[in-house]
């Protein structure tokens, strides 16, 4: 699957925990559905070329948006051990403010 980053696009993080500051080294993405899937803390996750996602998480989750500008290269870097396609999964280089925008039921 080819995923294109959007300059000044929205960045997401999914988690079963509540917080307002995302730690450095956390995973973020511009793919909302992927962040929603990760909010359930799955042990396994995969996706198809059509964008459908399978995951085996068991926890209800929360969807966050990064609540400040994110600059690739400065604030985030591609996940070095990702098994996902390019531009899908990034690691934060510094703490980032987040805002919870949704509860994500199982």
N, C-alpha and C. Protein backbone atom coordinates (compact mmCIF):
# COMPACT_ATOMS: atom_id res chain seq x y z
N UNK A 1 0.85 -1.18 0.00
CA UNK A 1 0.00 0.00 0.00
C UNK A 1 0.89 1.24 0.00
N UNK A 2 0.55 2.21 -0.80
CA UNK A 2 1.31 3.46 -0.84
C UNK A 2 0.57 4.48 0.01
N UNK A 3 1.27 5.04 0.99
CA UNK A 3 0.67 6.04 1.87
C UNK A 3 1.44 7.34 1.70
N UNK A 4 0.74 8.40 1.39
CA UNK A 4 1.36 9.70 1.15
C UNK A 4 1.16 10.61 2.36
N UNK A 5 2.25 11.18 2.86
CA UNK A 5 2.13 12.17 3.93
C UNK A 5 1.56 13.46 3.38
N UNK A 6 0.80 14.15 4.20
CA UNK A 6 0.24 15.44 3.84
C UNK A 6 0.98 16.51 4.63
N UNK A 7 1.58 17.47 3.92
CA UNK A 7 2.25 18.57 4.61
C UNK A 7 1.23 19.30 5.46
N UNK A 8 1.58 19.58 6.69
CA UNK A 8 0.67 20.20 7.66
C UNK A 8 -0.57 19.35 7.93
N UNK A 9 -0.46 18.03 7.67
CA UNK A 9 -1.56 17.13 7.91
C UNK A 9 -1.76 16.84 9.39
N UNK A 10 -2.85 16.20 9.70
CA UNK A 10 -3.18 15.82 11.08
C UNK A 10 -2.40 14.56 11.43
N UNK A 11 -1.80 14.56 12.62
CA UNK A 11 -1.07 13.39 13.14
C UNK A 11 -1.88 12.81 14.29
N UNK A 12 -1.93 11.46 14.35
CA UNK A 12 -2.76 10.76 15.33
C UNK A 12 -1.91 9.81 16.18
N UNK A 13 -2.44 9.53 17.36
CA UNK A 13 -1.89 8.50 18.24
C UNK A 13 -3.07 7.82 18.90
N UNK A 14 -3.00 6.50 19.02
CA UNK A 14 -4.05 5.76 19.70
C UNK A 14 -3.50 5.06 20.92
N UNK A 15 -4.28 5.05 22.00
CA UNK A 15 -3.83 4.44 23.25
C UNK A 15 -5.04 4.09 24.12
N UNK A 16 -4.91 3.06 24.97
CA UNK A 16 -5.97 2.79 25.94
C UNK A 16 -5.86 3.69 27.18
N UNK A 17 -4.84 4.52 27.25
CA UNK A 17 -4.59 5.40 28.40
C UNK A 17 -5.02 6.83 28.10
N UNK A 18 -5.27 7.60 29.19
CA UNK A 18 -5.58 9.03 29.06
C UNK A 18 -4.36 9.84 29.47
N UNK A 19 -4.02 10.88 28.71
CA UNK A 19 -2.90 11.75 29.01
C UNK A 19 -3.00 13.00 28.14
N UNK A 20 -2.13 13.98 28.39
CA UNK A 20 -2.12 15.21 27.59
C UNK A 20 -0.76 15.47 26.95
N UNK A 21 0.25 14.69 27.33
CA UNK A 21 1.59 14.84 26.76
C UNK A 21 2.09 13.47 26.31
N UNK A 22 2.40 13.36 25.04
CA UNK A 22 2.90 12.12 24.46
C UNK A 22 4.41 12.08 24.63
N UNK A 23 4.92 10.97 25.13
CA UNK A 23 6.36 10.83 25.38
C UNK A 23 7.16 10.78 24.09
N UNK A 24 8.41 11.23 24.18
CA UNK A 24 9.36 11.03 23.08
C UNK A 24 9.52 9.53 22.88
N UNK A 25 9.62 9.10 21.62
CA UNK A 25 9.75 7.69 21.30
C UNK A 25 8.42 6.99 21.06
N UNK A 26 7.32 7.75 21.11
CA UNK A 26 5.99 7.19 20.85
C UNK A 26 5.73 7.14 19.35
N UNK A 27 4.80 6.29 18.96
CA UNK A 27 4.45 6.13 17.55
C UNK A 27 3.28 7.03 17.19
N UNK A 28 3.41 7.75 16.06
CA UNK A 28 2.30 8.53 15.53
C UNK A 28 2.18 8.26 14.04
N UNK A 29 1.03 8.61 13.49
CA UNK A 29 0.74 8.37 12.09
C UNK A 29 -0.25 9.41 11.58
N UNK A 30 -0.28 9.61 10.27
CA UNK A 30 -1.32 10.44 9.66
C UNK A 30 -2.52 9.58 9.22
N UNK A 31 -2.43 8.27 9.43
CA UNK A 31 -3.52 7.35 9.06
C UNK A 31 -4.40 7.14 10.28
N UNK A 32 -5.54 7.82 10.31
CA UNK A 32 -6.43 7.80 11.47
C UNK A 32 -6.87 6.39 11.84
N UNK A 33 -7.29 5.60 10.88
CA UNK A 33 -7.78 4.25 11.18
C UNK A 33 -6.69 3.39 11.82
N UNK A 34 -5.45 3.60 11.45
CA UNK A 34 -4.36 2.83 12.06
C UNK A 34 -4.18 3.23 13.52
N UNK A 35 -4.23 4.51 13.81
CA UNK A 35 -4.14 4.96 15.20
C UNK A 35 -5.31 4.41 16.02
N UNK A 36 -6.51 4.40 15.43
CA UNK A 36 -7.66 3.83 16.13
C UNK A 36 -7.42 2.35 16.45
N UNK A 37 -6.87 1.61 15.49
CA UNK A 37 -6.58 0.18 15.71
C UNK A 37 -5.54 0.01 16.82
N UNK A 38 -4.50 0.83 16.81
CA UNK A 38 -3.46 0.74 17.84
C UNK A 38 -3.98 1.15 19.21
N UNK A 39 -5.07 1.90 19.28
CA UNK A 39 -5.60 2.32 20.57
C UNK A 39 -6.04 1.12 21.42
N UNK A 40 -6.28 -0.01 20.80
CA UNK A 40 -6.73 -1.21 21.51
C UNK A 40 -5.57 -2.05 22.02
N UNK A 41 -4.33 -1.60 21.81
CA UNK A 41 -3.10 -2.27 22.28
C UNK A 41 -3.03 -3.71 21.77
N UNK A 42 -3.11 -3.90 20.44
CA UNK A 42 -3.07 -5.26 19.90
C UNK A 42 -1.68 -5.89 20.01
N UNK A 43 -1.66 -7.19 20.11
CA UNK A 43 -0.41 -7.95 20.03
C UNK A 43 -0.03 -8.17 18.57
N UNK A 44 -1.03 -8.18 17.69
CA UNK A 44 -0.81 -8.37 16.26
C UNK A 44 -1.72 -7.42 15.48
N UNK A 45 -1.22 -6.91 14.37
CA UNK A 45 -1.97 -6.00 13.53
C UNK A 45 -1.46 -6.16 12.10
N UNK A 46 -2.39 -6.13 11.15
CA UNK A 46 -2.00 -6.15 9.74
C UNK A 46 -3.02 -5.34 8.95
N UNK A 47 -2.61 -4.96 7.74
CA UNK A 47 -3.54 -4.24 6.88
C UNK A 47 -3.34 -4.70 5.44
N UNK A 48 -4.37 -4.48 4.65
CA UNK A 48 -4.38 -4.88 3.24
C UNK A 48 -4.18 -3.65 2.36
N UNK A 49 -3.92 -3.90 1.09
CA UNK A 49 -3.74 -2.81 0.13
C UNK A 49 -4.97 -1.92 0.01
N UNK A 50 -6.15 -2.46 0.32
CA UNK A 50 -7.38 -1.66 0.24
C UNK A 50 -7.60 -0.80 1.48
N UNK A 51 -6.67 -0.88 2.46
CA UNK A 51 -6.76 -0.07 3.68
C UNK A 51 -7.48 -0.74 4.83
N UNK A 52 -8.02 -1.94 4.62
CA UNK A 52 -8.68 -2.63 5.72
C UNK A 52 -7.62 -3.09 6.73
N UNK A 53 -7.99 -3.00 8.01
CA UNK A 53 -7.06 -3.29 9.09
C UNK A 53 -7.63 -4.41 9.95
N UNK A 54 -6.77 -5.36 10.33
CA UNK A 54 -7.12 -6.41 11.27
C UNK A 54 -6.22 -6.23 12.49
N UNK A 55 -6.80 -6.36 13.68
CA UNK A 55 -6.00 -6.30 14.90
C UNK A 55 -6.70 -7.15 15.96
N UNK A 56 -5.93 -7.58 16.96
CA UNK A 56 -6.49 -8.46 17.98
C UNK A 56 -6.48 -7.82 19.38
N UNK A 57 -6.54 -6.50 19.45
CA UNK A 57 -6.56 -5.81 20.74
C UNK A 57 -7.82 -6.10 21.52
N UNK A 58 -7.74 -5.96 22.83
CA UNK A 58 -8.86 -6.30 23.70
C UNK A 58 -9.28 -5.15 24.61
N UNK A 59 -8.65 -3.99 24.49
CA UNK A 59 -8.95 -2.87 25.37
C UNK A 59 -9.68 -1.76 24.62
N UNK A 60 -10.64 -1.10 25.26
CA UNK A 60 -11.20 0.09 24.63
C UNK A 60 -10.11 1.15 24.58
N UNK A 61 -10.20 2.06 23.62
CA UNK A 61 -9.11 3.01 23.45
C UNK A 61 -9.56 4.44 23.29
N UNK A 62 -8.56 5.30 23.11
CA UNK A 62 -8.76 6.72 22.87
C UNK A 62 -7.95 7.13 21.65
N UNK A 63 -8.53 8.03 20.87
CA UNK A 63 -7.84 8.57 19.70
C UNK A 63 -7.42 9.99 20.02
N UNK A 64 -6.15 10.28 19.78
CA UNK A 64 -5.57 11.59 20.03
C UNK A 64 -5.11 12.23 18.73
N UNK A 65 -5.14 13.57 18.70
CA UNK A 65 -4.45 14.32 17.66
C UNK A 65 -3.29 15.03 18.33
N UNK A 66 -2.22 15.19 17.58
CA UNK A 66 -1.09 15.97 18.08
C UNK A 66 -1.54 17.43 18.03
N UNK A 67 -1.45 18.09 19.16
CA UNK A 67 -2.02 19.42 19.31
C UNK A 67 -0.98 20.53 19.18
N UNK A 68 -0.04 20.34 18.28
CA UNK A 68 0.97 21.34 17.95
C UNK A 68 1.56 20.96 16.60
N UNK A 69 2.24 21.88 15.94
CA UNK A 69 2.82 21.54 14.63
C UNK A 69 3.84 20.40 14.74
N UNK A 70 3.85 19.55 13.72
CA UNK A 70 4.80 18.44 13.64
C UNK A 70 5.57 18.57 12.34
N UNK A 71 6.90 18.60 12.44
CA UNK A 71 7.75 18.73 11.28
C UNK A 71 8.55 17.44 11.12
N UNK A 72 8.29 16.65 10.05
CA UNK A 72 9.09 15.44 9.83
C UNK A 72 10.58 15.79 9.75
N UNK A 73 11.39 14.97 10.36
CA UNK A 73 12.82 15.22 10.41
C UNK A 73 13.23 15.95 11.67
N UNK A 74 12.43 16.92 12.09
CA UNK A 74 12.73 17.66 13.31
C UNK A 74 12.02 17.03 14.51
N UNK A 75 10.72 16.79 14.38
CA UNK A 75 9.91 16.31 15.50
C UNK A 75 9.66 14.81 15.46
N UNK A 76 9.68 14.24 14.28
CA UNK A 76 9.42 12.80 14.10
C UNK A 76 10.37 12.23 13.06
N UNK A 77 10.58 10.93 13.14
CA UNK A 77 11.40 10.22 12.17
C UNK A 77 10.71 8.91 11.83
N UNK A 78 10.91 8.39 10.61
CA UNK A 78 10.32 7.09 10.28
C UNK A 78 10.74 6.04 11.31
N UNK A 79 9.80 5.20 11.69
CA UNK A 79 10.09 4.13 12.65
C UNK A 79 11.16 3.22 12.05
N UNK A 80 12.31 3.07 12.71
CA UNK A 80 13.41 2.31 12.10
C UNK A 80 13.17 0.80 12.02
N UNK A 81 12.26 0.28 12.84
CA UNK A 81 12.01 -1.17 12.84
C UNK A 81 10.59 -1.51 12.37
N UNK A 82 9.97 -0.59 11.68
CA UNK A 82 8.61 -0.82 11.22
C UNK A 82 8.57 -1.89 10.14
N UNK A 83 7.52 -2.68 10.17
CA UNK A 83 7.27 -3.65 9.10
C UNK A 83 6.20 -3.11 8.15
N UNK A 84 5.79 -1.86 8.39
CA UNK A 84 4.75 -1.25 7.57
C UNK A 84 5.37 -0.48 6.41
N UNK A 85 4.52 -0.10 5.49
CA UNK A 85 4.97 0.65 4.32
C UNK A 85 5.53 2.01 4.71
N UNK A 86 6.26 2.62 3.79
CA UNK A 86 6.83 3.94 4.02
C UNK A 86 5.74 4.95 4.34
N UNK A 87 6.06 5.92 5.18
CA UNK A 87 5.18 7.03 5.55
C UNK A 87 3.99 6.65 6.42
N UNK A 88 4.01 5.44 6.97
CA UNK A 88 2.88 5.01 7.80
C UNK A 88 3.15 5.22 9.28
N UNK A 89 4.33 4.88 9.73
CA UNK A 89 4.62 4.83 11.16
C UNK A 89 5.86 5.66 11.49
N UNK A 90 5.71 6.62 12.41
CA UNK A 90 6.79 7.51 12.80
C UNK A 90 6.97 7.48 14.32
N UNK A 91 8.21 7.75 14.76
CA UNK A 91 8.50 7.88 16.19
C UNK A 91 8.73 9.35 16.51
N UNK A 92 8.19 9.78 17.65
CA UNK A 92 8.38 11.15 18.08
C UNK A 92 9.80 11.32 18.63
N UNK A 93 10.39 12.47 18.36
CA UNK A 93 11.74 12.78 18.84
C UNK A 93 11.71 13.60 20.13
N UNK A 94 10.54 14.10 20.47
CA UNK A 94 10.39 14.93 21.67
C UNK A 94 8.97 14.76 22.20
N UNK A 95 8.71 15.15 23.44
CA UNK A 95 7.33 15.11 23.92
C UNK A 95 6.46 16.05 23.10
N UNK A 96 5.22 15.63 22.85
CA UNK A 96 4.28 16.44 22.07
C UNK A 96 2.95 16.53 22.80
N UNK A 97 2.34 17.71 22.77
CA UNK A 97 1.02 17.88 23.35
C UNK A 97 -0.02 17.15 22.50
N UNK A 98 -0.97 16.50 23.15
CA UNK A 98 -2.04 15.81 22.44
C UNK A 98 -3.39 16.23 22.99
N UNK A 99 -4.41 16.01 22.18
CA UNK A 99 -5.78 16.28 22.57
C UNK A 99 -6.62 15.06 22.21
N UNK A 100 -7.35 14.54 23.18
CA UNK A 100 -8.21 13.38 22.92
C UNK A 100 -9.42 13.85 22.10
N UNK A 101 -9.68 13.15 20.97
CA UNK A 101 -10.80 13.56 20.12
C UNK A 101 -11.90 12.51 20.06
N UNK A 102 -11.60 11.28 20.54
CA UNK A 102 -12.64 10.25 20.47
C UNK A 102 -12.31 9.08 21.37
N UNK A 103 -13.37 8.46 21.89
CA UNK A 103 -13.25 7.15 22.50
C UNK A 103 -13.39 6.14 21.37
N UNK A 104 -12.62 5.05 21.41
CA UNK A 104 -12.65 4.06 20.35
C UNK A 104 -13.08 2.73 20.97
N UNK A 105 -14.38 2.40 20.87
CA UNK A 105 -14.83 1.13 21.44
C UNK A 105 -14.30 -0.05 20.64
N UNK A 106 -14.30 -1.21 21.28
CA UNK A 106 -13.85 -2.42 20.57
C UNK A 106 -14.83 -2.75 19.46
